[in-house]
Amino acid sequence: MTAILLHEVGPRDGLQAEARVVPTETKLEWLRILANSGLDMVQVGSFVRGDKMPQMADTDELFRILSVEPHTAVLSGLVLNEKGLERGLACGVELFCLGVSASDTHSKKNTGMGTAEAQARIIATAQEAVKAGKAVQVSVQSAFGCGFEGRISESRVLEIVRAYLDAGLTNISLADTAGHAYPAQVKRLFSAILAWEPTARYTAHFHDTYGLGMANTYAAWEAGARCFETSFAGLGGCPFTKVAAGNVATEDLVHGLHREGLRPDVNLASLVDIAQAVARFFGREMPGRVHHAGILGY
């Protein structure tokens, strides 16, 4: 039943580009439902400067509250550097997510460092988290293309993955930050890294910029990826990419899995309720489909 793992990233990736700040109490309402809905992981927030990204200013507080409450999901947090790791260790993060962009341009806009420098620091930080006894996931951002640079060499992506594996980091995500991926490319890259280390955990993270998000998700699944990062209501988009667009919607993927007889333990009705609550809060139509159309009852 849990051969497919589901990582909800809406509270971080979904909210980070929104101008209207969600109050802490509202976030807690959403997070408590998500963390007990049957999803495997929920990304509570990122450890960035609150004055630079106000949506994430309460991340430490959210972890301190949620970490001592009952929850069935693993609580994850995104860290960009050593300082973020220190903050996360102090407030109860269970899974640390760290990433390197395969695009130098995107990397510099996002972290102020080029890919090579960022990778060295991220690997060192990830290893520190492992030494502290924490679970770690490392990612390759802009793995399928970049809004600024366009095509990204697949060999460049594979070099970053190889560096992770050589460093003993075997929980790896390929992220389609700009939404440029297409199914054949997705299958090619995931097949290549699975051939290197088939026992590693490989995660797929797709944005729906050009309408291929769900198709890419299924392509990654067919290639052997078993963990998927999605966002409630399809909300999201990196504020440091050229064209920010939403993620694959969590409730849409879960609905598709239910139609396949997979992950019936995940409470789809709760996920639809959250998506509808998010749409009401922001007062606009969201890109997800199932929270509009309803759940098929057969």
Protein backbone atom coordinates (compact mmCIF):
# COMPACT_ATOMS: atom_id res chain seq x y z
CA MET A 1 0.00 0.00 0.00
CA THR A 2 2.86 2.40 0.75
CA ALA A 3 5.00 1.45 -2.27
CA ILE A 4 3.99 4.91 -3.48
CA LEU A 5 4.88 7.71 -1.07
CA LEU A 6 3.17 11.10 -1.08
CA HIS A 7 4.85 14.32 0.04
CA GLU A 8 2.58 17.36 0.40
CA VAL A 9 4.59 20.54 -0.28
CA GLY A 10 1.74 23.04 -0.47
CA PRO A 11 2.46 24.76 2.84
CA ARG A 12 5.91 25.63 1.50
CA ASP A 13 6.04 25.48 -2.31
CA GLY A 14 2.39 26.34 -2.64
CA LEU A 15 2.44 29.43 -0.44
CA GLN A 16 5.93 30.86 -0.96
CA ALA A 17 5.05 33.01 -3.97
CA GLU A 18 1.73 34.29 -2.62
CA ALA A 19 1.54 37.99 -1.75
CA ARG A 20 -1.22 37.53 0.84
CA VAL A 21 0.30 36.07 3.99
CA VAL A 22 -1.62 33.19 5.54
CA PRO A 23 -2.04 33.67 9.33
CA THR A 24 -0.30 31.11 11.51
CA GLU A 25 -3.57 29.83 12.97
CA THR A 26 -4.96 29.21 9.49
CA LYS A 27 -1.82 27.36 8.46
CA LEU A 28 -2.08 25.23 11.59
CA GLU A 29 -5.67 24.30 10.71
CA TRP A 30 -4.59 23.15 7.27
CA LEU A 31 -1.42 21.43 8.47
CA ARG A 32 -3.17 19.45 11.21
CA ILE A 33 -5.59 18.00 8.67
CA LEU A 34 -2.84 17.27 6.16
CA ALA A 35 -0.56 15.67 8.75
CA ASN A 36 -3.30 13.19 9.71
CA SER A 37 -4.85 12.55 6.28
CA GLY A 38 -2.77 9.50 5.40
CA LEU A 39 -0.13 11.43 3.44
CA ASP A 40 3.39 10.23 4.19
CA MET A 41 5.13 13.60 4.48
CA VAL A 42 4.05 17.22 4.82
CA GLN A 43 6.43 20.12 4.17
CA VAL A 44 5.64 22.68 6.84
CA GLY A 45 7.80 25.51 5.49
CA SER A 46 11.29 26.71 4.64
CA PHE A 47 13.97 28.25 6.83
CA VAL A 48 14.56 31.51 5.03
CA ARG A 49 14.62 35.11 6.21
CA GLY A 50 11.14 36.28 7.11
CA ASP A 51 11.77 39.77 5.76
CA LYS A 52 12.66 38.27 2.38
CA MET A 53 9.78 35.76 2.29
CA PRO A 54 7.01 36.75 4.74
CA GLN A 55 4.97 33.61 4.04
CA MET A 56 7.70 31.55 5.70
CA ALA A 57 8.34 33.83 8.70
CA ASP A 58 6.47 31.50 11.09
CA THR A 59 8.13 28.24 10.02
CA ASP A 60 10.02 27.76 13.32
CA GLU A 61 6.85 28.41 15.33
CA LEU A 62 4.81 25.99 13.23
CA PHE A 63 7.33 23.20 13.80
CA ARG A 64 7.50 23.84 17.54
CA ILE A 65 3.73 23.52 17.82
CA LEU A 66 3.19 20.61 15.44
CA SER A 67 6.16 18.53 16.53
CA VAL A 68 4.62 17.94 19.97
CA GLU A 69 1.12 17.19 18.65
CA PRO A 70 -0.09 13.81 17.35
CA HIS A 71 0.53 13.40 13.63
CA THR A 72 0.95 10.46 11.28
CA ALA A 73 2.93 12.21 8.54
CA VAL A 74 6.63 13.01 8.70
CA LEU A 75 7.09 16.78 9.04
CA SER A 76 9.63 18.10 6.53
CA GLY A 77 11.31 21.47 6.11
CA LEU A 78 13.38 23.05 3.35
CA VAL A 79 16.79 24.45 4.29
CA LEU A 80 19.12 26.41 2.01
CA ASN A 81 22.23 26.62 4.16
CA GLU A 82 23.91 25.83 7.47
CA LYS A 83 21.90 28.46 9.36
CA GLY A 84 18.68 26.89 8.15
CA LEU A 85 19.87 23.51 9.42
CA GLU A 86 20.59 24.98 12.85
CA ARG A 87 17.10 26.46 13.02
CA GLY A 88 15.50 23.22 11.87
CA LEU A 89 17.38 21.11 14.41
CA ALA A 90 16.20 23.46 17.15
CA CYS A 91 12.48 23.23 16.38
CA GLY A 92 11.71 19.62 15.54
CA VAL A 93 12.13 19.04 11.79
CA GLU A 94 11.89 15.32 11.04
CA LEU A 95 12.98 15.35 7.38
CA PHE A 96 15.40 17.94 6.01
CA CYS A 97 15.02 18.82 2.32
CA LEU A 98 17.96 20.48 0.57
CA GLY A 99 18.51 21.19 -3.11
CA VAL A 100 20.88 22.31 -5.82
CA SER A 101 19.78 23.82 -9.12
CA ALA A 102 21.25 22.36 -12.30
CA SER A 103 20.91 25.88 -13.75
CA ASP A 104 23.63 28.33 -12.73
CA THR A 105 21.29 31.26 -13.42
CA HIS A 106 18.47 29.87 -11.28
CA SER A 107 20.94 28.87 -8.57
CA LYS A 108 22.35 32.40 -8.34
CA LYS A 109 18.89 33.96 -8.20
CA ASN A 110 17.74 31.49 -5.57
CA THR A 111 20.84 31.19 -3.36
CA GLY A 112 23.35 33.78 -4.55
CA MET A 113 25.72 30.96 -5.54
CA GLY A 114 26.47 29.08 -8.73
CA THR A 115 25.67 25.38 -9.01
CA ALA A 116 29.12 24.07 -8.09
CA GLU A 117 29.46 26.18 -4.93
CA ALA A 118 25.88 25.51 -3.87
CA GLN A 119 26.30 21.77 -4.36
CA ALA A 120 29.41 21.59 -2.15
CA ARG A 121 27.65 23.48 0.64
CA ILE A 122 24.40 21.53 0.34
CA ILE A 123 26.16 18.16 0.46
CA ALA A 124 28.14 19.22 3.53
CA THR A 125 24.96 20.52 5.21
CA ALA A 126 23.05 17.34 4.35
CA GLN A 127 25.81 15.22 5.85
CA GLU A 128 25.65 17.29 9.04
CA ALA A 129 21.91 16.59 9.25
CA VAL A 130 22.59 12.86 8.82
CA LYS A 131 25.19 13.01 11.61
CA ALA A 132 22.52 14.60 13.81
CA GLY A 133 20.34 11.54 13.23
CA LYS A 134 17.87 13.22 10.88
CA ALA A 135 16.33 11.96 7.66
CA VAL A 136 17.49 13.91 4.59
CA GLN A 137 16.27 14.38 1.04
CA VAL A 138 18.43 16.13 -1.56
CA SER A 139 17.10 17.43 -4.85
CA VAL A 140 18.16 18.58 -8.28
CA GLN A 141 16.13 21.68 -9.11
CA SER A 142 15.58 22.77 -12.73
CA ALA A 143 16.39 19.17 -13.62
CA PHE A 144 14.28 19.20 -16.78
CA GLY A 145 14.85 22.75 -18.03
CA CYS A 146 15.23 26.34 -16.87
CA GLY A 147 13.07 29.39 -17.51
CA PHE A 148 16.24 31.48 -17.96
CA GLU A 149 18.67 29.08 -19.63
CA GLY A 150 16.25 26.82 -21.47
CA ARG A 151 17.51 23.29 -22.04
CA ILE A 152 19.57 21.78 -19.23
CA SER A 153 22.10 19.09 -20.14
CA GLU A 154 20.97 15.72 -18.86
CA SER A 155 24.61 14.87 -18.15
CA ARG A 156 24.75 17.87 -15.81
CA VAL A 157 21.74 16.56 -13.89
CA LEU A 158 23.27 13.09 -13.70
CA GLU A 159 26.56 14.53 -12.42
CA ILE A 160 24.73 16.14 -9.49
CA VAL A 161 22.88 12.89 -8.73
CA ARG A 162 26.15 10.96 -8.87
CA ALA A 163 27.73 13.42 -6.42
CA TYR A 164 24.82 12.86 -4.03
CA LEU A 165 25.15 9.08 -4.25
CA ASP A 166 28.92 9.25 -3.80
CA ALA A 167 28.32 11.32 -0.64
CA GLY A 168 26.05 8.59 0.75
CA LEU A 169 22.83 10.55 0.14
CA THR A 170 20.30 8.14 -1.32
CA ASN A 171 16.99 9.99 -0.95
CA ILE A 172 16.98 12.07 -4.13
CA SER A 173 14.38 14.24 -5.87
CA LEU A 174 14.36 15.47 -9.44
CA ALA A 175 12.39 18.73 -9.54
CA ASP A 176 10.87 20.30 -12.64
CA THR A 177 11.10 23.83 -11.22
CA ALA A 178 10.24 25.57 -14.49
CA GLY A 179 7.68 23.02 -15.69
CA HIS A 180 9.58 22.20 -18.90
CA ALA A 181 9.58 18.40 -18.51
CA TYR A 182 7.96 16.02 -20.98
CA PRO A 183 7.26 12.29 -20.46
CA ALA A 184 10.02 10.78 -22.61
CA GLN A 185 12.62 12.98 -20.91
CA VAL A 186 11.23 12.07 -17.49
CA LYS A 187 11.46 8.35 -18.24
CA ARG A 188 14.99 8.74 -19.58
CA LEU A 189 16.36 10.53 -16.53
CA PHE A 190 14.65 8.42 -13.89
CA SER A 191 15.60 5.20 -15.71
CA ALA A 192 19.23 6.33 -15.77
CA ILE A 193 19.49 7.07 -12.06
CA LEU A 194 17.53 3.96 -11.09
CA ALA A 195 20.03 1.87 -13.06
CA TRP A 196 22.84 3.35 -10.93
CA GLU A 197 21.30 2.70 -7.54
CA PRO A 198 17.96 0.89 -7.67
CA THR A 199 17.62 0.73 -3.87
CA ALA A 200 17.70 4.52 -3.45
CA ARG A 201 14.47 6.49 -2.95
CA TYR A 202 13.73 8.64 -5.97
CA THR A 203 11.17 11.44 -5.82
CA ALA A 204 9.46 13.31 -8.65
CA HIS A 205 8.37 16.95 -8.34
CA PHE A 206 6.50 18.48 -11.28
CA HIS A 207 5.00 21.86 -12.03
CA ASP A 208 2.17 22.14 -14.53
CA THR A 209 3.40 25.21 -16.43
CA TYR A 210 2.69 23.69 -19.83
CA GLY A 211 -0.03 21.23 -18.88
CA LEU A 212 2.15 18.10 -18.66
CA GLY A 213 2.41 17.80 -14.89
CA MET A 214 0.20 14.75 -14.42
CA ALA A 215 1.53 13.05 -17.56
CA ASN A 216 5.06 13.52 -16.25
CA THR A 217 4.06 12.14 -12.87
CA TYR A 218 2.79 8.94 -14.42
CA ALA A 219 5.88 8.72 -16.63
CA ALA A 220 8.09 8.93 -13.53
CA TRP A 221 5.98 6.25 -11.85
CA GLU A 222 6.37 3.95 -14.88
CA ALA A 223 10.13 4.55 -14.82
CA GLY A 224 10.33 3.48 -11.18
CA ALA A 225 10.02 6.66 -9.08
CA ARG A 226 7.99 5.88 -5.98
CA CYS A 227 7.73 9.20 -4.14
CA PHE A 228 5.83 12.23 -5.44
CA GLU A 229 5.73 15.83 -4.27
CA THR A 230 2.49 17.69 -4.90
CA SER A 231 0.64 20.74 -3.60
CA PHE A 232 -2.90 21.27 -2.37
CA ALA A 233 -5.20 22.76 -5.02
CA GLY A 234 -2.29 22.78 -7.48
CA LEU A 235 -0.98 25.95 -5.84
CA GLY A 236 2.64 26.92 -6.16
CA GLY A 237 5.57 28.15 -8.17
CA CYS A 238 9.15 29.10 -7.45
CA PRO A 239 9.42 32.90 -7.06
CA PHE A 240 12.94 32.73 -8.51
CA THR A 241 12.03 31.16 -11.84
CA LYS A 242 10.97 33.06 -14.95
CA VAL A 243 7.38 31.78 -15.19
CA ALA A 244 5.99 30.57 -11.86
CA ALA A 245 3.23 27.99 -12.20
CA GLY A 246 1.45 25.59 -9.91
CA ASN A 247 2.40 22.07 -8.88
CA VAL A 248 0.52 18.92 -9.68
CA ALA A 249 -2.45 19.03 -7.28
CA THR A 250 -2.27 16.60 -4.37
CA GLU A 251 -5.95 15.75 -4.49
CA ASP A 252 -5.77 15.15 -8.26
CA LEU A 253 -2.93 12.64 -7.91
CA VAL A 254 -4.58 10.89 -4.97
CA HIS A 255 -7.84 10.70 -6.91
CA GLY A 256 -5.95 9.08 -9.81
CA LEU A 257 -4.27 6.62 -7.46
CA HIS A 258 -7.62 5.71 -5.90
CA ARG A 259 -8.97 4.96 -9.39
CA GLU A 260 -6.05 2.52 -9.75
CA GLY A 261 -6.85 0.94 -6.39
CA LEU A 262 -3.73 2.48 -4.82
CA ARG A 263 -3.30 4.35 -1.52
CA PRO A 264 -6.91 3.94 -0.34
CA ASP A 265 -5.60 4.84 3.13
CA VAL A 266 -5.29 8.51 2.11
CA ASN A 267 -8.39 10.53 2.97
CA LEU A 268 -9.24 12.17 -0.33
CA ALA A 269 -12.26 14.02 1.06
CA SER A 270 -10.00 15.83 3.55
CA LEU A 271 -7.63 16.84 0.77
CA VAL A 272 -10.52 18.22 -1.29
CA ASP A 273 -11.72 20.18 1.75
CA ILE A 274 -8.25 21.72 2.15
CA ALA A 275 -8.06 22.63 -1.54
CA GLN A 276 -11.45 24.34 -1.33
CA ALA A 277 -10.40 26.17 1.85
CA VAL A 278 -7.24 27.42 0.12
CA ALA A 279 -9.31 28.67 -2.84
CA ARG A 280 -11.69 30.49 -0.50
CA PHE A 281 -8.83 32.07 1.44
CA PHE A 282 -7.16 33.50 -1.65
CA GLY A 283 -10.48 34.31 -3.30
CA ARG A 284 -9.65 32.90 -6.70
CA GLU A 285 -9.98 29.76 -8.76
CA MET A 286 -7.18 27.25 -8.23
CA PRO A 287 -5.65 25.08 -10.95
CA GLY A 288 -6.47 21.72 -9.34
CA ARG A 289 -9.31 19.75 -10.94
CA VAL A 290 -10.84 17.35 -8.43
CA HIS A 291 -11.82 20.01 -5.88
CA HIS A 292 -13.91 21.59 -8.69
CA ALA A 293 -15.33 18.44 -10.28
CA GLY A 294 -15.86 16.35 -7.15
CA ILE A 295 -14.84 12.81 -6.28
CA LEU A 296 -16.03 9.95 -8.47
CA GLY A 297 -17.97 7.60 -6.22
CA TYR A 298 -17.51 4.34 -8.10
